[in-house]
C-alpha cells in the first residue's frame, strides 16, 4: 500500500507556540515513517526579533504597527499562498491539514 501524502500548512519550530510545538512533535514522531509528510512552514522569520514578534495582534493592532511590518507580513502571505498552490499542483497531497489561528493573527 502506498503511503498517504499529508500536507501540513503550519508555523514550525524554531518559532514558539502551540502549533509550532505540535508540528515539531509530528515531525519527530513515527508518522514520518508511515506517511509522506510535507510541510509548508508559514512562520514569518523576519518579523521575529529577539524572541518577540514585532506584530501587534488583534484588529486594533493591525492599525498600530509600522507600515513596513504590515507590508512584509502581506508579502509573506502572498509567498505562502503561491507555495501552497505549487504544492497542491505538483506534489498532489492526499490530505491537507491547515493549522489556523484566530482573528488577524491568521493573516
N, C-alpha and C. Protein backbone atom coordinates (compact mmCIF):
# COMPACT_ATOMS: atom_id res chain seq x y z
N UNK A 1 0.85 -1.19 0.00
CA UNK A 1 0.00 0.00 0.00
C UNK A 1 0.89 1.25 0.00
N UNK A 2 0.54 2.20 -0.83
CA UNK A 2 1.30 3.45 -0.89
C UNK A 2 1.07 4.28 0.36
N UNK A 3 2.09 5.03 0.70
CA UNK A 3 1.97 5.94 1.84
C UNK A 3 1.08 7.12 1.45
N UNK A 4 0.26 7.56 2.40
CA UNK A 4 -0.51 8.78 2.20
C UNK A 4 0.43 9.97 2.23
N UNK A 5 0.17 10.94 1.37
CA UNK A 5 0.91 12.19 1.40
C UNK A 5 0.06 13.22 2.11
N UNK A 6 0.59 13.75 3.21
CA UNK A 6 -0.14 14.71 4.03
C UNK A 6 0.61 16.04 4.01
N UNK A 7 -0.08 17.08 3.57
CA UNK A 7 0.49 18.42 3.57
C UNK A 7 0.00 19.15 4.82
N UNK A 8 0.94 19.57 5.65
CA UNK A 8 0.63 20.40 6.82
C UNK A 8 0.98 21.83 6.48
N UNK A 9 0.04 22.73 6.67
CA UNK A 9 0.27 24.17 6.49
C UNK A 9 0.27 24.75 7.89
N UNK A 10 1.46 25.09 8.38
CA UNK A 10 1.60 25.46 9.79
C UNK A 10 2.91 26.19 10.03
N UNK A 11 2.94 27.05 11.06
CA UNK A 11 4.25 27.51 11.51
C UNK A 11 4.97 26.33 12.15
N UNK A 12 6.29 26.37 12.14
CA UNK A 12 7.07 25.25 12.66
C UNK A 12 8.25 25.76 13.47
N UNK A 13 8.82 24.88 14.30
CA UNK A 13 10.00 25.28 15.07
C UNK A 13 11.09 25.80 14.14
N UNK A 14 11.90 26.73 14.60
CA UNK A 14 12.17 27.09 15.99
C UNK A 14 11.25 28.16 16.58
N UNK A 15 10.25 28.64 15.82
CA UNK A 15 9.31 29.59 16.40
C UNK A 15 8.62 28.93 17.60
N UNK A 16 8.13 29.73 18.52
CA UNK A 16 7.50 29.22 19.73
C UNK A 16 5.99 29.38 19.65
N UNK A 17 5.28 28.38 20.09
CA UNK A 17 3.82 28.45 20.13
C UNK A 17 3.23 27.06 20.07
N UNK A 18 1.93 26.97 20.22
CA UNK A 18 1.25 25.69 20.25
C UNK A 18 1.30 24.93 18.94
N UNK A 19 1.01 25.63 17.84
CA UNK A 19 1.06 24.96 16.53
C UNK A 19 2.48 24.53 16.19
N UNK A 20 3.44 25.37 16.54
CA UNK A 20 4.84 25.04 16.28
C UNK A 20 5.26 23.80 17.07
N UNK A 21 4.85 23.75 18.34
CA UNK A 21 5.18 22.58 19.17
C UNK A 21 4.54 21.32 18.61
N UNK A 22 3.28 21.43 18.18
CA UNK A 22 2.60 20.28 17.59
C UNK A 22 3.33 19.79 16.35
N UNK A 23 3.71 20.72 15.46
CA UNK A 23 4.41 20.31 14.24
C UNK A 23 5.76 19.69 14.56
N UNK A 24 6.45 20.23 15.56
CA UNK A 24 7.71 19.63 15.98
C UNK A 24 7.51 18.20 16.43
N UNK A 25 6.42 17.95 17.17
CA UNK A 25 6.11 16.59 17.63
C UNK A 25 5.77 15.67 16.46
N UNK A 26 5.00 16.17 15.50
CA UNK A 26 4.65 15.35 14.33
C UNK A 26 5.91 14.97 13.56
N UNK A 27 6.77 15.95 13.32
CA UNK A 27 7.98 15.69 12.53
C UNK A 27 8.97 14.78 13.24
N UNK A 28 8.89 14.71 14.58
CA UNK A 28 9.78 13.84 15.35
C UNK A 28 9.15 12.48 15.65
N UNK A 29 7.92 12.27 15.21
CA UNK A 29 7.20 11.04 15.54
C UNK A 29 7.38 9.98 14.46
N UNK A 30 6.80 8.81 14.72
CA UNK A 30 6.86 7.71 13.75
C UNK A 30 5.93 7.94 12.56
N UNK A 31 5.12 9.00 12.60
CA UNK A 31 4.24 9.31 11.47
C UNK A 31 5.03 9.52 10.18
N UNK A 32 6.24 10.05 10.33
CA UNK A 32 7.06 10.32 9.13
C UNK A 32 7.53 9.03 8.46
N UNK A 33 7.49 7.92 9.19
CA UNK A 33 7.85 6.63 8.61
C UNK A 33 6.65 5.98 7.92
N UNK A 34 5.45 6.28 8.41
CA UNK A 34 4.24 5.66 7.87
C UNK A 34 3.56 6.49 6.79
N UNK A 35 3.84 7.80 6.76
CA UNK A 35 3.22 8.71 5.80
C UNK A 35 4.28 9.62 5.21
N UNK A 36 3.99 10.12 4.03
CA UNK A 36 4.87 11.12 3.42
C UNK A 36 4.37 12.48 3.90
N UNK A 37 5.13 13.12 4.78
CA UNK A 37 4.73 14.39 5.39
C UNK A 37 5.37 15.53 4.62
N UNK A 38 4.54 16.44 4.12
CA UNK A 38 5.00 17.68 3.51
C UNK A 38 4.68 18.81 4.48
N UNK A 39 5.56 19.78 4.59
CA UNK A 39 5.32 20.91 5.48
C UNK A 39 5.49 22.20 4.71
N UNK A 40 4.44 23.01 4.72
CA UNK A 40 4.55 24.39 4.25
C UNK A 40 4.68 25.23 5.51
N UNK A 41 5.91 25.61 5.82
CA UNK A 41 6.19 26.37 7.05
C UNK A 41 5.80 27.82 6.83
N UNK A 42 4.76 28.27 7.53
CA UNK A 42 4.26 29.63 7.34
C UNK A 42 4.74 30.58 8.43
N UNK A 43 5.86 30.25 9.07
CA UNK A 43 6.48 31.18 10.02
C UNK A 43 6.98 32.39 9.24
N UNK A 44 6.93 33.54 9.88
CA UNK A 44 7.40 34.77 9.25
C UNK A 44 8.66 35.22 9.97
N UNK A 45 9.83 34.66 9.60
CA UNK A 45 11.05 34.85 10.38
C UNK A 45 11.53 36.29 10.48
N UNK A 46 11.34 37.10 9.47
CA UNK A 46 11.84 38.48 9.54
C UNK A 46 11.00 39.36 10.45
N UNK A 47 9.88 38.86 10.91
CA UNK A 47 9.04 39.63 11.82
C UNK A 47 9.28 39.19 13.26
N UNK A 48 10.26 38.33 13.49
CA UNK A 48 10.56 37.77 14.81
C UNK A 48 11.92 38.29 15.23
N UNK A 49 11.97 39.15 16.25
CA UNK A 49 13.22 39.77 16.67
C UNK A 49 13.43 39.57 18.17
N UNK A 50 14.56 39.03 18.54
CA UNK A 50 14.90 38.90 19.95
C UNK A 50 13.91 38.09 20.76
N UNK A 51 13.32 37.08 20.15
CA UNK A 51 12.37 36.23 20.85
C UNK A 51 10.97 36.81 20.94
N UNK A 52 10.73 37.94 20.27
CA UNK A 52 9.42 38.60 20.34
C UNK A 52 8.98 38.95 18.91
N UNK A 53 7.71 38.69 18.61
CA UNK A 53 7.17 39.11 17.32
C UNK A 53 6.99 40.61 17.31
N UNK A 54 7.29 41.24 16.18
CA UNK A 54 7.09 42.67 16.03
C UNK A 54 5.67 42.99 15.61
N UNK A 55 4.84 41.99 15.47
CA UNK A 55 3.47 42.21 15.03
C UNK A 55 2.56 42.38 16.24
N UNK A 56 1.82 43.46 16.25
CA UNK A 56 0.79 43.64 17.28
C UNK A 56 -0.45 42.93 16.76
N UNK A 57 -0.99 42.02 17.56
CA UNK A 57 -2.11 41.21 17.09
C UNK A 57 -3.43 41.87 17.45
N UNK A 58 -4.49 41.27 16.96
CA UNK A 58 -5.83 41.81 17.20
C UNK A 58 -6.18 42.82 16.11
N UNK A 59 -7.45 43.15 16.04
CA UNK A 59 -7.90 44.08 15.00
C UNK A 59 -7.27 45.46 15.17
N UNK A 60 -7.23 45.97 16.39
CA UNK A 60 -6.64 47.29 16.63
C UNK A 60 -5.14 47.28 16.35
N UNK A 61 -4.47 46.17 16.64
CA UNK A 61 -3.03 46.08 16.42
C UNK A 61 -2.65 46.22 14.96
N UNK A 62 -3.55 45.81 14.07
CA UNK A 62 -3.26 45.92 12.64
C UNK A 62 -3.08 47.37 12.22
N UNK A 63 -3.69 48.29 12.95
CA UNK A 63 -3.59 49.72 12.61
C UNK A 63 -2.47 50.42 13.37
N UNK A 64 -1.92 49.78 14.40
CA UNK A 64 -0.88 50.41 15.22
C UNK A 64 0.53 50.01 14.83
N UNK A 65 0.69 48.99 14.04
CA UNK A 65 2.04 48.55 13.69
C UNK A 65 2.59 49.39 12.53
N UNK A 66 3.91 49.33 12.40
CA UNK A 66 4.56 50.09 11.33
C UNK A 66 4.12 49.58 9.96
N UNK A 67 4.06 50.47 8.99
CA UNK A 67 3.66 50.09 7.64
C UNK A 67 4.60 49.04 7.05
N UNK A 68 5.89 49.15 7.34
CA UNK A 68 6.84 48.17 6.80
C UNK A 68 6.55 46.77 7.33
N UNK A 69 6.13 46.67 8.59
CA UNK A 69 5.78 45.37 9.17
C UNK A 69 4.55 44.81 8.46
N UNK A 70 3.55 45.66 8.24
CA UNK A 70 2.33 45.22 7.57
C UNK A 70 2.64 44.74 6.15
N UNK A 71 3.42 45.51 5.41
CA UNK A 71 3.76 45.13 4.04
C UNK A 71 4.58 43.85 3.99
N UNK A 72 5.51 43.70 4.92
CA UNK A 72 6.31 42.46 4.99
C UNK A 72 5.41 41.27 5.29
N UNK A 73 4.47 41.45 6.21
CA UNK A 73 3.55 40.37 6.56
C UNK A 73 2.71 39.96 5.36
N UNK A 74 2.19 40.93 4.61
CA UNK A 74 1.39 40.61 3.43
C UNK A 74 2.24 39.97 2.34
N UNK A 75 3.50 40.39 2.20
CA UNK A 75 4.39 39.77 1.22
C UNK A 75 4.62 38.30 1.56
N UNK A 76 4.83 38.01 2.84
CA UNK A 76 4.96 36.61 3.25
C UNK A 76 3.69 35.84 2.94
N UNK A 77 2.54 36.44 3.20
CA UNK A 77 1.27 35.76 2.94
C UNK A 77 1.14 35.40 1.47
N UNK A 78 1.52 36.30 0.58
CA UNK A 78 1.45 36.02 -0.85
C UNK A 78 2.45 34.91 -1.23
N UNK A 79 3.64 34.96 -0.65
CA UNK A 79 4.64 33.92 -0.91
C UNK A 79 4.10 32.55 -0.49
N UNK A 80 3.50 32.49 0.71
CA UNK A 80 2.97 31.22 1.20
C UNK A 80 1.81 30.73 0.34
N UNK A 81 0.98 31.65 -0.13
CA UNK A 81 -0.15 31.26 -0.98
C UNK A 81 0.36 30.65 -2.29
N UNK A 82 1.36 31.26 -2.89
CA UNK A 82 1.94 30.70 -4.12
C UNK A 82 2.58 29.34 -3.87
N UNK A 83 3.29 29.19 -2.75
CA UNK A 83 3.89 27.90 -2.40
C UNK A 83 2.80 26.84 -2.19
N UNK A 84 1.70 27.24 -1.55
CA UNK A 84 0.59 26.34 -1.29
C UNK A 84 0.02 25.80 -2.61
N UNK A 85 -0.26 26.70 -3.55
CA UNK A 85 -0.80 26.26 -4.83
C UNK A 85 0.21 25.40 -5.60
N UNK A 86 1.49 25.71 -5.50
CA UNK A 86 2.52 24.89 -6.14
C UNK A 86 2.50 23.47 -5.57
N UNK A 87 2.44 23.37 -4.23
CA UNK A 87 2.42 22.05 -3.59
C UNK A 87 1.18 21.27 -3.98
N UNK A 88 0.02 21.94 -4.02
CA UNK A 88 -1.21 21.26 -4.43
C UNK A 88 -1.12 20.76 -5.87
N UNK A 89 -0.54 21.55 -6.73
CA UNK A 89 -0.48 21.23 -8.16
C UNK A 89 0.55 20.14 -8.47
N UNK A 90 1.74 20.27 -7.89
CA UNK A 90 2.83 19.38 -8.29
C UNK A 90 3.12 18.24 -7.32
N UNK A 91 2.80 18.40 -6.06
CA UNK A 91 3.04 17.32 -5.09
C UNK A 91 1.78 16.50 -4.82
N UNK A 92 0.63 17.04 -5.14
CA UNK A 92 -0.67 16.36 -5.07
C UNK A 92 -0.89 15.59 -3.77
N UNK A 93 -0.97 16.29 -2.64
CA UNK A 93 -1.19 15.59 -1.37
C UNK A 93 -2.57 14.93 -1.32
N UNK A 94 -2.65 13.83 -0.57
CA UNK A 94 -3.92 13.15 -0.36
C UNK A 94 -4.77 13.89 0.68
N UNK A 95 -4.09 14.46 1.66
CA UNK A 95 -4.75 15.17 2.76
C UNK A 95 -4.04 16.49 2.97
N UNK A 96 -4.82 17.55 3.22
CA UNK A 96 -4.25 18.86 3.56
C UNK A 96 -4.75 19.22 4.95
N UNK A 97 -3.83 19.45 5.87
CA UNK A 97 -4.17 19.84 7.25
C UNK A 97 -3.68 21.27 7.43
N UNK A 98 -4.62 22.21 7.52
CA UNK A 98 -4.28 23.62 7.67
C UNK A 98 -4.49 24.01 9.13
N UNK A 99 -3.41 24.42 9.77
CA UNK A 99 -3.45 24.87 11.16
C UNK A 99 -3.70 26.37 11.13
N UNK A 100 -4.73 26.84 11.82
CA UNK A 100 -5.06 28.26 11.77
C UNK A 100 -5.15 28.87 13.16
N UNK A 101 -5.00 30.18 13.20
CA UNK A 101 -5.13 30.95 14.43
C UNK A 101 -6.39 31.82 14.33
N UNK A 102 -6.65 32.56 15.38
CA UNK A 102 -7.83 33.41 15.42
C UNK A 102 -7.52 34.83 14.99
N UNK A 103 -8.54 35.51 14.55
CA UNK A 103 -8.51 36.95 14.28
C UNK A 103 -7.43 37.32 13.27
N UNK A 104 -6.82 38.48 13.43
CA UNK A 104 -5.85 38.95 12.43
C UNK A 104 -4.54 38.20 12.49
N UNK A 105 -4.27 37.44 13.54
CA UNK A 105 -3.02 36.67 13.56
C UNK A 105 -3.06 35.57 12.51
N UNK A 106 -4.26 35.24 12.00
CA UNK A 106 -4.38 34.28 10.90
C UNK A 106 -3.63 34.79 9.68
N UNK A 107 -3.68 36.07 9.44
CA UNK A 107 -3.04 36.67 8.26
C UNK A 107 -1.63 37.03 8.58
